[in-house]
Amino acid sequence: MLKSNHHPNVEFQVLSNPEFLAEGTAINDLLKPDRILIGGDNDDKGKWAIEQLSSVYENWVDKSLIITTNTWSSELSKLTANAMLAQRISSINSISAICEASGADIQEVSKAIGFDSRIGSKFLQASIGFGGSCFQKDINNLIYLCENLNLKEVADYWHQVLVINDYQKKRFVDKIVKCLFNTLNNKKITLFGFAFKKNTGDTRESASINICKYLLDEGASITVLDPKVEYEQMIFELSNPQLNLPIEMVKRKVQLYSTDVIEACKGSHAIVICTEWDIFKTYDYKEIFEIMQKPAHVFDGRLILDHQHLTSIGYHVEAVGKKFDHTLK
């Protein structure tokens, strides 16, 4: 394109400058970045262009944090960063399945391995799976790149990260169905959270979307409680043709509340934690217990609640990566 629109004495250089901003902390990430990555051609003109962009960042970023590479390295670094973060989530989620089967506690396992300086503690929080617009998109881009480079085994490896992510959501719902006596028909389930993570109203690729789909397929009615997600956005996500959910049924069987936790939980058979909003930790779960159907269940998909306290109230509690003893004592 640049060559076809070439004008005398006018030259262009194309640089790669990927962003590494996390939703909810983007401004701070921009002002205090871990690194700045700039890729370009290795010839003199490319190096000059890289220096010009680098000089802009040097107004607030230490030069030691500015990494310069060729264009391919810069682009691949962006894909690989998100792919490896998603890989850590799928890895710890795969271990959470072992914990539930064996009696190990995923939070204890995460803490233990997180003390290893070679591993670190970040992105080792087991959950119902990752969401958002970046992780799945960038892994799919990496898979596409591998396939086009005839690296089938590498493509299969990264595809498995997505397989485990889907598996985690499905087996979480399977546990809900099993605990509710193998049927959700005409039962009300309250989802705490629809955004893909706390402190944002972004619902793209949210784990809650598939959780809702599986619950609706089982015949449940759903009430969603989320402080930032708009009703129209929730309906838009659940209307995705790939979910194969009739829009009339979705509108009839799914409700959304922003703040009224009592109304959202009234007559509900189970609470399902899908987003780690801090406000969910502050609710009076004893009061909520009184207005729910019995036995009242809590399924903690984000490991944010006090499970011992909930059990003492009378809840039947299940959580990702934990095996509970529900025998009568």
C-alpha atoms as a PDB file:
ATOM      1  CA  MET A   1       0.000   0.000   0.000  1.00  0.00           C
ATOM      2  CA  LEU A   2       2.797   2.405   0.890  1.00  0.00           C
ATOM      3  CA  LYS A   3       4.695   1.572  -2.289  1.00  0.00           C
ATOM      4  CA  SER A   4       1.639   2.027  -4.508  1.00  0.00           C
ATOM      5  CA  ASN A   5       1.041   5.499  -3.033  1.00  0.00           C
ATOM      6  CA  HIS A   6       4.689   6.540  -3.105  1.00  0.00           C
ATOM      7  CA  HIS A   7       5.494  10.195  -3.673  1.00  0.00           C
ATOM      8  CA  PRO A   8       8.920  11.632  -4.493  1.00  0.00           C
ATOM      9  CA  ASN A   9      10.973  12.596  -1.427  1.00  0.00           C
ATOM     10  CA  VAL A  10       8.407  11.004   0.908  1.00  0.00           C
ATOM     11  CA  GLU A  11       9.343   7.831   2.782  1.00  0.00           C
ATOM     12  CA  PHE A  12       7.508   5.707   5.317  1.00  0.00           C
ATOM     13  CA  GLN A  13       8.591   3.208   7.928  1.00  0.00           C
ATOM     14  CA  VAL A  14       6.125   0.783   9.505  1.00  0.00           C
ATOM     15  CA  LEU A  15       6.737   0.066  13.186  1.00  0.00           C
ATOM     16  CA  SER A  16       5.197  -2.496  15.504  1.00  0.00           C
ATOM     17  CA  ASN A  17       4.349  -1.050  18.925  1.00  0.00           C
ATOM     18  CA  PRO A  18       1.986  -3.475  20.701  1.00  0.00           C
ATOM     19  CA  GLU A  19       0.155  -2.375  23.824  1.00  0.00           C
ATOM     20  CA  PHE A  20       0.224  -4.346  27.059  1.00  0.00           C
ATOM     21  CA  LEU A  21      -2.672  -2.668  28.859  1.00  0.00           C
ATOM     22  CA  ALA A  22      -5.005  -4.593  31.159  1.00  0.00           C
ATOM     23  CA  GLU A  23      -8.642  -3.563  31.303  1.00  0.00           C
ATOM     24  CA  GLY A  24      -9.386  -1.732  34.537  1.00  0.00           C
ATOM     25  CA  THR A  25      -5.745  -0.624  35.013  1.00  0.00           C
ATOM     26  CA  ALA A  26      -4.943   0.704  31.521  1.00  0.00           C
ATOM     27  CA  ILE A  27      -3.960   4.261  32.545  1.00  0.00           C
ATOM     28  CA  ASN A  28      -1.584   3.051  35.237  1.00  0.00           C
ATOM     29  CA  ASP A  29      -0.198   0.434  32.834  1.00  0.00           C
ATOM     30  CA  LEU A  30       0.521   3.189  30.318  1.00  0.00           C
ATOM     31  CA  LEU A  31       2.131   5.549  32.835  1.00  0.00           C
ATOM     32  CA  LYS A  32       4.137   2.827  34.614  1.00  0.00           C
ATOM     33  CA  PRO A  33       4.705   0.073  32.063  1.00  0.00           C
ATOM     34  CA  ASP A  34       6.686  -3.124  32.661  1.00  0.00           C
ATOM     35  CA  ARG A  35       8.234  -2.530  29.251  1.00  0.00           C
ATOM     36  CA  ILE A  36       7.717  -0.750  25.947  1.00  0.00           C
ATOM     37  CA  LEU A  37       8.194  -2.848  22.828  1.00  0.00           C
ATOM     38  CA  ILE A  38       9.031  -1.339  19.453  1.00  0.00           C
ATOM     39  CA  GLY A  39       9.725  -3.426  16.350  1.00  0.00           C
ATOM     40  CA  GLY A  40      10.889  -2.313  12.945  1.00  0.00           C
ATOM     41  CA  ASP A  41      13.208  -3.022  10.031  1.00  0.00           C
ATOM     42  CA  ASN A  42      16.865  -3.728  10.828  1.00  0.00           C
ATOM     43  CA  ASP A  43      18.222  -1.328   8.198  1.00  0.00           C
ATOM     44  CA  ASP A  44      19.372   2.218   8.938  1.00  0.00           C
ATOM     45  CA  LYS A  45      16.007   3.781   8.088  1.00  0.00           C
ATOM     46  CA  GLY A  46      14.157   1.307  10.270  1.00  0.00           C
ATOM     47  CA  LYS A  47      16.505   1.917  13.179  1.00  0.00           C
ATOM     48  CA  TRP A  48      16.071   5.681  12.772  1.00  0.00           C
ATOM     49  CA  ALA A  49      12.278   5.319  12.893  1.00  0.00           C
ATOM     50  CA  ILE A  50      12.528   3.167  16.031  1.00  0.00           C
ATOM     51  CA  GLU A  51      14.681   5.837  17.696  1.00  0.00           C
ATOM     52  CA  GLN A  52      12.094   8.531  16.919  1.00  0.00           C
ATOM     53  CA  LEU A  53       9.260   6.598  18.563  1.00  0.00           C
ATOM     54  CA  SER A  54      11.506   5.610  21.449  1.00  0.00           C
ATOM     55  CA  SER A  55      12.266   9.280  22.108  1.00  0.00           C
ATOM     56  CA  VAL A  56       8.537   9.911  22.607  1.00  0.00           C
ATOM     57  CA  TYR A  57       8.280   7.245  25.304  1.00  0.00           C
ATOM     58  CA  GLU A  58      11.479   8.449  26.979  1.00  0.00           C
ATOM     59  CA  ASN A  59       9.549  11.507  28.171  1.00  0.00           C
ATOM     60  CA  TRP A  60       8.108   9.332  30.965  1.00  0.00           C
ATOM     61  CA  VAL A  61       9.593   5.831  30.589  1.00  0.00           C
ATOM     62  CA  ASP A  62      13.148   4.893  31.547  1.00  0.00           C
ATOM     63  CA  LYS A  63      15.124   3.971  28.454  1.00  0.00           C
ATOM     64  CA  SER A  64      16.119   0.644  30.026  1.00  0.00           C
ATOM     65  CA  LEU A  65      12.463  -0.424  29.803  1.00  0.00           C
ATOM     66  CA  ILE A  66      12.237   0.217  26.056  1.00  0.00           C
ATOM     67  CA  ILE A  67      12.906  -2.958  24.085  1.00  0.00           C
ATOM     68  CA  THR A  68      13.653  -2.745  20.366  1.00  0.00           C
ATOM     69  CA  THR A  69      13.354  -5.734  18.039  1.00  0.00           C
ATOM     70  CA  ASN A  70      12.603  -6.608  14.441  1.00  0.00           C
ATOM     71  CA  THR A  71       8.967  -6.447  13.372  1.00  0.00           C
ATOM     72  CA  TRP A  72       8.315 -10.201  13.568  1.00  0.00           C
ATOM     73  CA  SER A  73       9.728 -10.442  17.091  1.00  0.00           C
ATOM     74  CA  SER A  74       7.567  -7.575  18.299  1.00  0.00           C
ATOM     75  CA  GLU A  75       4.351  -8.968  16.860  1.00  0.00           C
ATOM     76  CA  LEU A  76       5.051 -12.498  18.090  1.00  0.00           C
ATOM     77  CA  SER A  77       5.954 -11.197  21.557  1.00  0.00           C
ATOM     78  CA  LYS A  78       2.502  -9.658  21.892  1.00  0.00           C
ATOM     79  CA  LEU A  79       0.724 -12.888  20.942  1.00  0.00           C
ATOM     80  CA  THR A  80       3.005 -14.977  23.129  1.00  0.00           C
ATOM     81  CA  ALA A  81       2.545 -12.772  26.217  1.00  0.00           C
ATOM     82  CA  ASN A  82      -1.226 -13.208  26.219  1.00  0.00           C
ATOM     83  CA  ALA A  83      -0.979 -16.867  25.218  1.00  0.00           C
ATOM     84  CA  MET A  84       1.321 -17.659  28.139  1.00  0.00           C
ATOM     85  CA  LEU A  85      -0.891 -15.819  30.633  1.00  0.00           C
ATOM     86  CA  ALA A  86      -3.884 -17.798  29.383  1.00  0.00           C
ATOM     87  CA  GLN A  87      -1.772 -20.951  29.520  1.00  0.00           C
ATOM     88  CA  ARG A  88      -1.083 -20.366  33.226  1.00  0.00           C
ATOM     89  CA  ILE A  89      -4.810 -20.047  33.897  1.00  0.00           C
ATOM     90  CA  SER A  90      -5.617 -23.231  31.999  1.00  0.00           C
ATOM     91  CA  SER A  91      -2.724 -24.999  33.707  1.00  0.00           C
ATOM     92  CA  ILE A  92      -3.906 -24.171  37.229  1.00  0.00           C
ATOM     93  CA  ASN A  93      -7.504 -24.938  36.238  1.00  0.00           C
ATOM     94  CA  SER A  94      -6.444 -28.373  35.035  1.00  0.00           C
ATOM     95  CA  ILE A  95      -4.850 -28.956  38.447  1.00  0.00           C
ATOM     96  CA  SER A  96      -8.091 -27.799  40.121  1.00  0.00           C
ATOM     97  CA  ALA A  97      -9.843 -30.795  38.548  1.00  0.00           C
ATOM     98  CA  ILE A  98      -7.265 -33.090  40.155  1.00  0.00           C
ATOM     99  CA  CYS A  99      -7.809 -31.340  43.495  1.00  0.00           C
ATOM    100  CA  GLU A 100     -11.562 -31.914  43.392  1.00  0.00           C
ATOM    101  CA  ALA A 101     -11.040 -35.596  42.628  1.00  0.00           C
ATOM    102  CA  SER A 102      -8.254 -36.203  45.138  1.00  0.00           C
ATOM    103  CA  GLY A 103      -8.996 -33.961  48.112  1.00  0.00           C
ATOM    104  CA  ALA A 104      -6.133 -31.526  47.589  1.00  0.00           C
ATOM    105  CA  ASP A 105      -6.959 -27.803  47.950  1.00  0.00           C
ATOM    106  CA  ILE A 106      -6.170 -25.704  44.867  1.00  0.00           C
ATOM    107  CA  GLN A 107      -5.535 -22.562  46.924  1.00  0.00           C
ATOM    108  CA  GLU A 108      -2.951 -24.402  49.003  1.00  0.00           C
ATOM    109  CA  VAL A 109      -1.350 -25.839  45.861  1.00  0.00           C
ATOM    110  CA  SER A 110      -1.285 -22.399  44.165  1.00  0.00           C
ATOM    111  CA  LYS A 111       0.313 -20.823  47.220  1.00  0.00           C
ATOM    112  CA  ALA A 112       2.928 -23.547  47.482  1.00  0.00           C
ATOM    113  CA  ILE A 113       4.051 -23.386  43.855  1.00  0.00           C
ATOM    114  CA  GLY A 114       3.766 -19.594  43.775  1.00  0.00           C
ATOM    115  CA  PHE A 115       6.588 -19.341  46.334  1.00  0.00           C
ATOM    116  CA  ASP A 116       8.920 -20.824  43.726  1.00  0.00           C
ATOM    117  CA  SER A 117      10.739 -17.771  42.343  1.00  0.00           C
ATOM    118  CA  ARG A 118      10.948 -19.441  38.946  1.00  0.00           C
ATOM    119  CA  ILE A 119       7.155 -19.635  38.770  1.00  0.00           C
ATOM    120  CA  GLY A 120       5.790 -16.725  40.822  1.00  0.00           C
ATOM    121  CA  SER A 121       2.282 -16.301  42.158  1.00  0.00           C
ATOM    122  CA  LYS A 122       0.540 -14.278  39.439  1.00  0.00           C
ATOM    123  CA  PHE A 123      -2.206 -15.863  37.314  1.00  0.00           C
ATOM    124  CA  LEU A 124      -2.401 -18.942  39.541  1.00  0.00           C
ATOM    125  CA  GLN A 125      -5.932 -18.274  40.791  1.00  0.00           C
ATOM    126  CA  ALA A 126      -8.164 -21.156  39.769  1.00  0.00           C
ATOM    127  CA  SER A 127     -11.540 -20.137  38.372  1.00  0.00           C
ATOM    128  CA  ILE A 128     -14.230 -21.025  35.860  1.00  0.00           C
ATOM    129  CA  GLY A 129     -11.909 -19.902  33.070  1.00  0.00           C
ATOM    130  CA  PHE A 130     -10.527 -16.817  31.382  1.00  0.00           C
ATOM    131  CA  GLY A 131     -12.503 -14.377  29.264  1.00  0.00           C
ATOM    132  CA  GLY A 132     -12.067 -10.947  27.715  1.00  0.00           C
ATOM    133  CA  SER A 133     -11.287  -9.855  24.199  1.00  0.00           C
ATOM    134  CA  CYS A 134      -7.544 -10.608  24.145  1.00  0.00           C
ATOM    135  CA  PHE A 135      -6.606 -14.068  25.387  1.00  0.00           C
ATOM    136  CA  GLN A 136      -8.755 -16.227  23.125  1.00  0.00           C
ATOM    137  CA  LYS A 137      -8.243 -13.930  20.129  1.00  0.00           C
ATOM    138  CA  ASP A 138      -4.468 -13.923  20.459  1.00  0.00           C
ATOM    139  CA  ILE A 139      -4.260 -17.681  21.020  1.00  0.00           C
ATOM    140  CA  ASN A 140      -6.386 -18.225  17.914  1.00  0.00           C
ATOM    141  CA  ASN A 141      -4.055 -15.894  15.999  1.00  0.00           C
ATOM    142  CA  LEU A 142      -1.082 -17.897  17.261  1.00  0.00           C
ATOM    143  CA  ILE A 143      -2.759 -21.154  16.223  1.00  0.00           C
ATOM    144  CA  TYR A 144      -3.497 -19.716  12.762  1.00  0.00           C
ATOM    145  CA  LEU A 145       0.115 -18.612  12.413  1.00  0.00           C
ATOM    146  CA  CYS A 146       1.404 -22.058  13.412  1.00  0.00           C
ATOM    147  CA  GLU A 147      -0.884 -23.791  10.951  1.00  0.00           C
ATOM    148  CA  ASN A 148       0.253 -21.515   8.138  1.00  0.00           C
ATOM    149  CA  LEU A 149       3.867 -22.260   9.022  1.00  0.00           C
ATOM    150  CA  ASN A 150       3.100 -26.016   8.942  1.00  0.00           C
ATOM    151  CA  LEU A 151       3.705 -26.348  12.692  1.00  0.00           C
ATOM    152  CA  LYS A 152       0.744 -28.592  13.441  1.00  0.00           C
ATOM    153  CA  GLU A 153       2.039 -29.931  16.754  1.00  0.00           C
ATOM    154  CA  VAL A 154       2.632 -26.401  18.031  1.00  0.00           C
ATOM    155  CA  ALA A 155      -0.847 -25.335  16.903  1.00  0.00           C
ATOM    156  CA  ASP A 156      -2.344 -28.343  18.698  1.00  0.00           C
ATOM    157  CA  TYR A 157      -0.462 -27.441  21.876  1.00  0.00           C
ATOM    158  CA  TRP A 158      -1.903 -23.925  22.031  1.00  0.00           C
ATOM    159  CA  HIS A 159      -5.344 -25.138  20.990  1.00  0.00           C
ATOM    160  CA  GLN A 160      -5.369 -27.296  24.111  1.00  0.00           C
ATOM    161  CA  VAL A 161      -5.233 -24.149  26.253  1.00  0.00           C
ATOM    162  CA  LEU A 162      -8.635 -23.213  24.811  1.00  0.00           C
ATOM    163  CA  VAL A 163      -9.917 -26.784  25.202  1.00  0.00           C
ATOM    164  CA  ILE A 164      -9.130 -26.741  28.937  1.00  0.00           C
ATOM    165  CA  ASN A 165     -10.778 -23.328  29.272  1.00  0.00           C
ATOM    166  CA  ASP A 166     -14.019 -24.669  27.772  1.00  0.00           C
ATOM    167  CA  TYR A 167     -13.734 -27.869  29.790  1.00  0.00           C
ATOM    168  CA  GLN A 168     -13.486 -25.904  33.038  1.00  0.00           C
ATOM    169  CA  LYS A 169     -16.757 -24.091  32.377  1.00  0.00           C
ATOM    170  CA  LYS A 170     -18.604 -27.226  31.318  1.00  0.00           C
ATOM    171  CA  ARG A 171     -17.529 -29.347  34.261  1.00  0.00           C
ATOM    172  CA  PHE A 172     -18.451 -26.509  36.644  1.00  0.00           C
ATOM    173  CA  VAL A 173     -22.007 -26.549  35.308  1.00  0.00           C
ATOM    174  CA  ASP A 174     -22.048 -30.357  35.407  1.00  0.00           C
ATOM    175  CA  LYS A 175     -21.313 -30.114  39.137  1.00  0.00           C
ATOM    176  CA  ILE A 176     -24.196 -27.646  39.583  1.00  0.00           C
ATOM    177  CA  VAL A 177     -26.583 -30.041  37.836  1.00  0.00           C
ATOM    178  CA  LYS A 178     -25.376 -33.014  39.872  1.00  0.00           C
ATOM    179  CA  CYS A 179     -25.708 -31.175  43.200  1.00  0.00           C
ATOM    180  CA  LEU A 180     -29.211 -29.999  42.323  1.00  0.00           C
ATOM    181  CA  PHE A 181     -30.389 -33.608  42.001  1.00  0.00           C
ATOM    182  CA  ASN A 182     -29.541 -33.944  38.297  1.00  0.00           C
ATOM    183  CA  THR A 183     -32.165 -31.531  37.026  1.00  0.00           C
ATOM    184  CA  LEU A 184     -32.420 -27.758  36.703  1.00  0.00           C
ATOM    185  CA  ASN A 185     -35.841 -27.788  35.087  1.00  0.00           C
ATOM    186  CA  ASN A 186     -37.934 -24.915  36.513  1.00  0.00           C
ATOM    187  CA  LYS A 187     -35.221 -24.074  39.048  1.00  0.00           C
ATOM    188  CA  LYS A 188     -33.934 -20.547  39.599  1.00  0.00           C
ATOM    189  CA  ILE A 189     -30.183 -19.979  39.553  1.00  0.00           C
ATOM    190  CA  THR A 190     -28.645 -16.634  40.545  1.00  0.00           C
ATOM    191  CA  LEU A 191     -25.365 -15.705  38.853  1.00  0.00           C
ATOM    192  CA  PHE A 192     -23.175 -13.229  40.717  1.00  0.00           C
ATOM    193  CA  GLY A 193     -21.407 -11.449  37.886  1.00  0.00           C
ATOM    194  CA  PHE A 194     -21.614 -11.388  34.100  1.00  0.00           C
ATOM    195  CA  ALA A 195     -18.553  -9.258  33.211  1.00  0.00           C
ATOM    196  CA  PHE A 196     -15.428 -11.242  32.366  1.00  0.00           C
ATOM    197  CA  LYS A 197     -13.646  -9.772  35.406  1.00  0.00           C
ATOM    198  CA  LYS A 198     -14.277  -7.253  38.181  1.00  0.00           C
ATOM    199  CA  ASN A 199     -14.117  -3.468  37.776  1.00  0.00           C
ATOM    200  CA  THR A 200     -15.351  -3.493  34.197  1.00  0.00           C
ATOM    201  CA  GLY A 201     -18.611  -3.832  32.299  1.00  0.00           C
ATOM    202  CA  ASP A 202     -16.877  -5.694  29.471  1.00  0.00           C
ATOM    203  CA  THR A 203     -18.612  -8.986  28.694  1.00  0.00           C
ATOM    204  CA  ARG A 204     -16.628 -10.113  25.660  1.00  0.00           C
ATOM    205  CA  GLU A 205     -15.814 -13.837  25.860  1.00  0.00           C
ATOM    206  CA  SER A 206     -16.959 -13.824  29.499  1.00  0.00           C
ATOM    207  CA  ALA A 207     -17.140 -17.246  31.111  1.00  0.00           C
ATOM    208  CA  SER A 208     -20.632 -16.278  32.310  1.00  0.00           C
ATOM    209  CA  ILE A 209     -21.932 -16.444  28.738  1.00  0.00           C
ATOM    210  CA  ASN A 210     -21.287 -20.158  28.417  1.00  0.00           C
ATOM    211  CA  ILE A 211     -22.363 -20.790  32.008  1.00  0.00           C
ATOM    212  CA  CYS A 212     -25.723 -19.197  31.150  1.00  0.00           C
ATOM    213  CA  LYS A 213     -25.984 -21.201  27.943  1.00  0.00           C
ATOM    214  CA  TYR A 214     -25.392 -24.515  29.729  1.00  0.00           C
ATOM    215  CA  LEU A 215     -27.842 -23.629  32.526  1.00  0.00           C
ATOM    216  CA  LEU A 216     -30.546 -22.589  30.062  1.00  0.00           C
ATOM    217  CA  ASP A 217     -30.028 -25.798  28.093  1.00  0.00           C
ATOM    218  CA  GLU A 218     -30.743 -27.662  31.343  1.00  0.00           C
ATOM    219  CA  GLY A 219     -34.034 -25.795  31.802  1.00  0.00           C
ATOM    220  CA  ALA A 220     -33.030 -23.289  34.474  1.00  0.00           C
ATOM    221  CA  SER A 221     -34.307 -19.750  34.923  1.00  0.00           C
ATOM    222  CA  ILE A 222     -31.472 -17.303  35.566  1.00  0.00           C
ATOM    223  CA  THR A 223     -31.135 -14.099  37.532  1.00  0.00           C
ATOM    224  CA  VAL A 224     -27.889 -12.196  36.996  1.00  0.00           C
ATOM    225  CA  LEU A 225     -26.488  -9.696  39.494  1.00  0.00           C
ATOM    226  CA  ASP A 226     -23.777  -7.418  38.114  1.00  0.00           C
ATOM    227  CA  PRO A 227     -23.080  -3.782  39.111  1.00  0.00           C
ATOM    228  CA  LYS A 228     -21.852  -2.620  35.703  1.00  0.00           C
ATOM    229  CA  VAL A 229     -23.229  -4.794  32.904  1.00  0.00           C
ATOM    230  CA  GLU A 230     -26.213  -3.373  31.008  1.00  0.00           C
ATOM    231  CA  TYR A 231     -29.243  -5.513  30.172  1.00  0.00           C
ATOM    232  CA  GLU A 232     -28.933  -4.877  26.433  1.00  0.00           C
ATOM    233  CA  GLN A 233     -25.306  -5.996  26.466  1.00  0.00           C
ATOM    234  CA  MET A 234     -26.156  -9.202  28.320  1.00  0.00           C
ATOM    235  CA  ILE A 235     -28.948 -10.030  25.860  1.00  0.00           C
ATOM    236  CA  PHE A 236     -26.608  -9.245  22.959  1.00  0.00           C
ATOM    237  CA  GLU A 237     -24.050 -11.750  24.225  1.00  0.00           C
ATOM    238  CA  LEU A 238     -26.653 -14.458  24.832  1.00  0.00           C
ATOM    239  CA  SER A 239     -28.115 -13.855  21.366  1.00  0.00           C
ATOM    240  CA  ASN A 240     -24.905 -14.956  19.649  1.00  0.00           C
ATOM    241  CA  PRO A 241     -25.984 -17.458  16.951  1.00  0.00           C
ATOM    242  CA  GLN A 242     -23.171 -19.812  18.004  1.00  0.00           C
ATOM    243  CA  LEU A 243     -24.956 -20.349  21.340  1.00  0.00           C
ATOM    244  CA  ASN A 244     -28.101 -21.498  19.543  1.00  0.00           C
ATOM    245  CA  LEU A 245     -30.397 -19.953  22.171  1.00  0.00           C
ATOM    246  CA  PRO A 246     -33.809 -18.643  20.997  1.00  0.00           C
ATOM    247  CA  ILE A 247     -33.870 -14.919  21.800  1.00  0.00           C
ATOM    248  CA  GLU A 248     -37.470 -15.065  23.024  1.00  0.00           C
ATOM    249  CA  MET A 249     -36.530 -17.756  25.516  1.00  0.00           C
ATOM    250  CA  VAL A 250     -33.495 -15.789  26.706  1.00  0.00           C
ATOM    251  CA  LYS A 251     -35.554 -12.664  27.359  1.00  0.00           C
ATOM    252  CA  ARG A 252     -38.169 -14.719  29.191  1.00  0.00           C
ATOM    253  CA  LYS A 253     -35.830 -16.745  31.373  1.00  0.00           C
ATOM    254  CA  VAL A 254     -32.934 -14.347  32.122  1.00  0.00           C
ATOM    255  CA  GLN A 255     -33.218 -11.269  34.344  1.00  0.00           C
ATOM    256  CA  LEU A 256     -30.567  -8.731  35.372  1.00  0.00           C
ATOM    257  CA  TYR A 257     -30.173  -6.747  38.589  1.00  0.00           C
ATOM    258  CA  SER A 258     -27.477  -4.195  39.353  1.00  0.00           C
ATOM    259  CA  THR A 259     -27.678  -3.819  43.138  1.00  0.00           C
ATOM    260  CA  ASP A 260     -30.742  -5.570  44.592  1.00  0.00           C
ATOM    261  CA  VAL A 261     -29.173  -8.780  45.885  1.00  0.00           C
ATOM    262  CA  ILE A 262     -32.249  -9.772  47.901  1.00  0.00           C
ATOM    263  CA  GLU A 263     -34.570  -9.584  44.902  1.00  0.00           C
ATOM    264  CA  ALA A 264     -32.014 -11.389  42.753  1.00  0.00           C
ATOM    265  CA  CYS A 265     -31.741 -14.265  45.224  1.00  0.00           C
ATOM    266  CA  LYS A 266     -35.375 -14.504  46.350  1.00  0.00           C
ATOM    267  CA  GLY A 267     -36.634 -18.030  45.696  1.00  0.00           C
ATOM    268  CA  SER A 268     -33.325 -19.077  44.131  1.00  0.00           C
ATOM    269  CA  HIS A 269     -32.028 -22.623  44.459  1.00  0.00           C
ATOM    270  CA  ALA A 270     -28.370 -21.675  44.032  1.00  0.00           C
ATOM    271  CA  ILE A 271     -25.909 -18.792  43.882  1.00  0.00           C
ATOM    272  CA  VAL A 272     -23.123 -19.138  41.320  1.00  0.00           C
ATOM    273  CA  ILE A 273     -20.093 -16.842  41.630  1.00  0.00           C
ATOM    274  CA  CYS A 274     -18.912 -16.011  38.111  1.00  0.00           C
ATOM    275  CA  THR A 275     -17.118 -12.658  38.556  1.00  0.00           C
ATOM    276  CA  GLU A 276     -14.843 -11.710  41.457  1.00  0.00           C
ATOM    277  CA  TRP A 277     -16.541  -8.396  42.312  1.00  0.00           C
ATOM    278  CA  ASP A 278     -15.412  -7.233  45.774  1.00  0.00           C
ATOM    279  CA  ILE A 279     -18.967  -6.300  46.738  1.00  0.00           C
ATOM    280  CA  PHE A 280     -19.967  -9.969  46.625  1.00  0.00           C
ATOM    281  CA  LYS A 281     -17.766 -10.541  49.686  1.00  0.00           C
ATOM    282  CA  THR A 282     -19.718  -7.976  51.733  1.00  0.00           C
ATOM    283  CA  TYR A 283     -23.251  -9.390  51.448  1.00  0.00           C
ATOM    284  CA  ASP A 284     -25.193 -10.694  54.438  1.00  0.00           C
ATOM    285  CA  TYR A 285     -25.359 -14.322  53.378  1.00  0.00           C
ATOM    286  CA  LYS A 286     -27.399 -15.269  56.426  1.00  0.00           C
ATOM    287  CA  GLU A 287     -30.154 -12.897  55.312  1.00  0.00           C
ATOM    288  CA  ILE A 288     -29.873 -14.205  51.753  1.00  0.00           C
ATOM    289  CA  PHE A 289     -30.112 -17.791  53.012  1.00  0.00           C
ATOM    290  CA  GLU A 290     -33.495 -17.056  54.575  1.00  0.00           C
ATOM    291  CA  ILE A 291     -35.125 -16.064  51.282  1.00  0.00           C
ATOM    292  CA  MET A 292     -33.680 -18.893  49.147  1.00  0.00           C
ATOM    293  CA  GLN A 293     -35.154 -22.308  48.379  1.00  0.00           C
ATOM    294  CA  LYS A 294     -33.827 -25.118  50.587  1.00  0.00           C
ATOM    295  CA  PRO A 295     -31.409 -26.743  50.393  1.00  0.00           C
ATOM    296  CA  ALA A 296     -29.629 -23.530  49.394  1.00  0.00           C
ATOM    297  CA  HIS A 297     -26.450 -23.941  47.356  1.00  0.00           C
ATOM    298  CA  VAL A 298     -23.430 -21.739  46.680  1.00  0.00           C
ATOM    299  CA  PHE A 299     -21.056 -22.573  43.818  1.00  0.00           C
ATOM    300  CA  ASP A 300     -17.938 -20.411  44.092  1.00  0.00           C
ATOM    301  CA  GLY A 301     -16.303 -20.212  40.686  1.00  0.00           C
ATOM    302  CA  ARG A 302     -13.850 -17.493  41.748  1.00  0.00           C
ATOM    303  CA  LEU A 303     -12.813 -18.605  45.252  1.00  0.00           C
ATOM    304  CA  ILE A 304     -13.708 -15.289  46.871  1.00  0.00           C
ATOM    305  CA  LEU A 305     -16.097 -16.350  49.664  1.00  0.00           C
ATOM    306  CA  ASP A 306     -15.622 -17.763  53.164  1.00  0.00           C
ATOM    307  CA  HIS A 307     -16.767 -21.326  52.602  1.00  0.00           C
ATOM    308  CA  GLN A 308     -16.615 -22.340  56.260  1.00  0.00           C
ATOM    309  CA  HIS A 309     -18.867 -19.443  57.220  1.00  0.00           C
ATOM    310  CA  LEU A 310     -21.345 -20.277  54.458  1.00  0.00           C
ATOM    311  CA  THR A 311     -21.452 -23.902  55.578  1.00  0.00           C
ATOM    312  CA  SER A 312     -22.130 -22.855  59.176  1.00  0.00           C
ATOM    313  CA  ILE A 313     -25.142 -20.841  57.964  1.00  0.00           C
ATOM    314  CA  GLY A 314     -26.548 -23.917  56.259  1.00  0.00           C
ATOM    315  CA  TYR A 315     -25.474 -23.599  52.634  1.00  0.00           C
ATOM    316  CA  HIS A 316     -24.369 -26.571  50.560  1.00  0.00           C
ATOM    317  CA  VAL A 317     -21.058 -25.187  49.258  1.00  0.00           C
ATOM    318  CA  GLU A 318     -19.039 -26.237  46.234  1.00  0.00           C
ATOM    319  CA  ALA A 319     -15.997 -24.438  44.829  1.00  0.00           C
ATOM    320  CA  VAL A 320     -13.445 -24.773  42.067  1.00  0.00           C
ATOM    321  CA  GLY A 321     -10.497 -26.891  43.141  1.00  0.00           C
ATOM    322  CA  LYS A 322     -11.912 -28.028  46.485  1.00  0.00           C
ATOM    323  CA  LYS A 323     -13.483 -31.252  47.706  1.00  0.00           C
ATOM    324  CA  PHE A 324     -16.046 -30.805  50.473  1.00  0.00           C
ATOM    325  CA  ASP A 325     -17.255 -33.411  52.949  1.00  0.00           C
ATOM    326  CA  HIS A 326     -21.047 -33.158  52.927  1.00  0.00           C
ATOM    327  CA  THR A 327     -21.709 -36.203  55.093  1.00  0.00           C
ATOM    328  CA  LEU A 328     -24.005 -35.585  58.043  1.00  0.00           C
ATOM    329  CA  LYS A 329     -22.218 -35.319  61.366  1.00  0.00           C
END
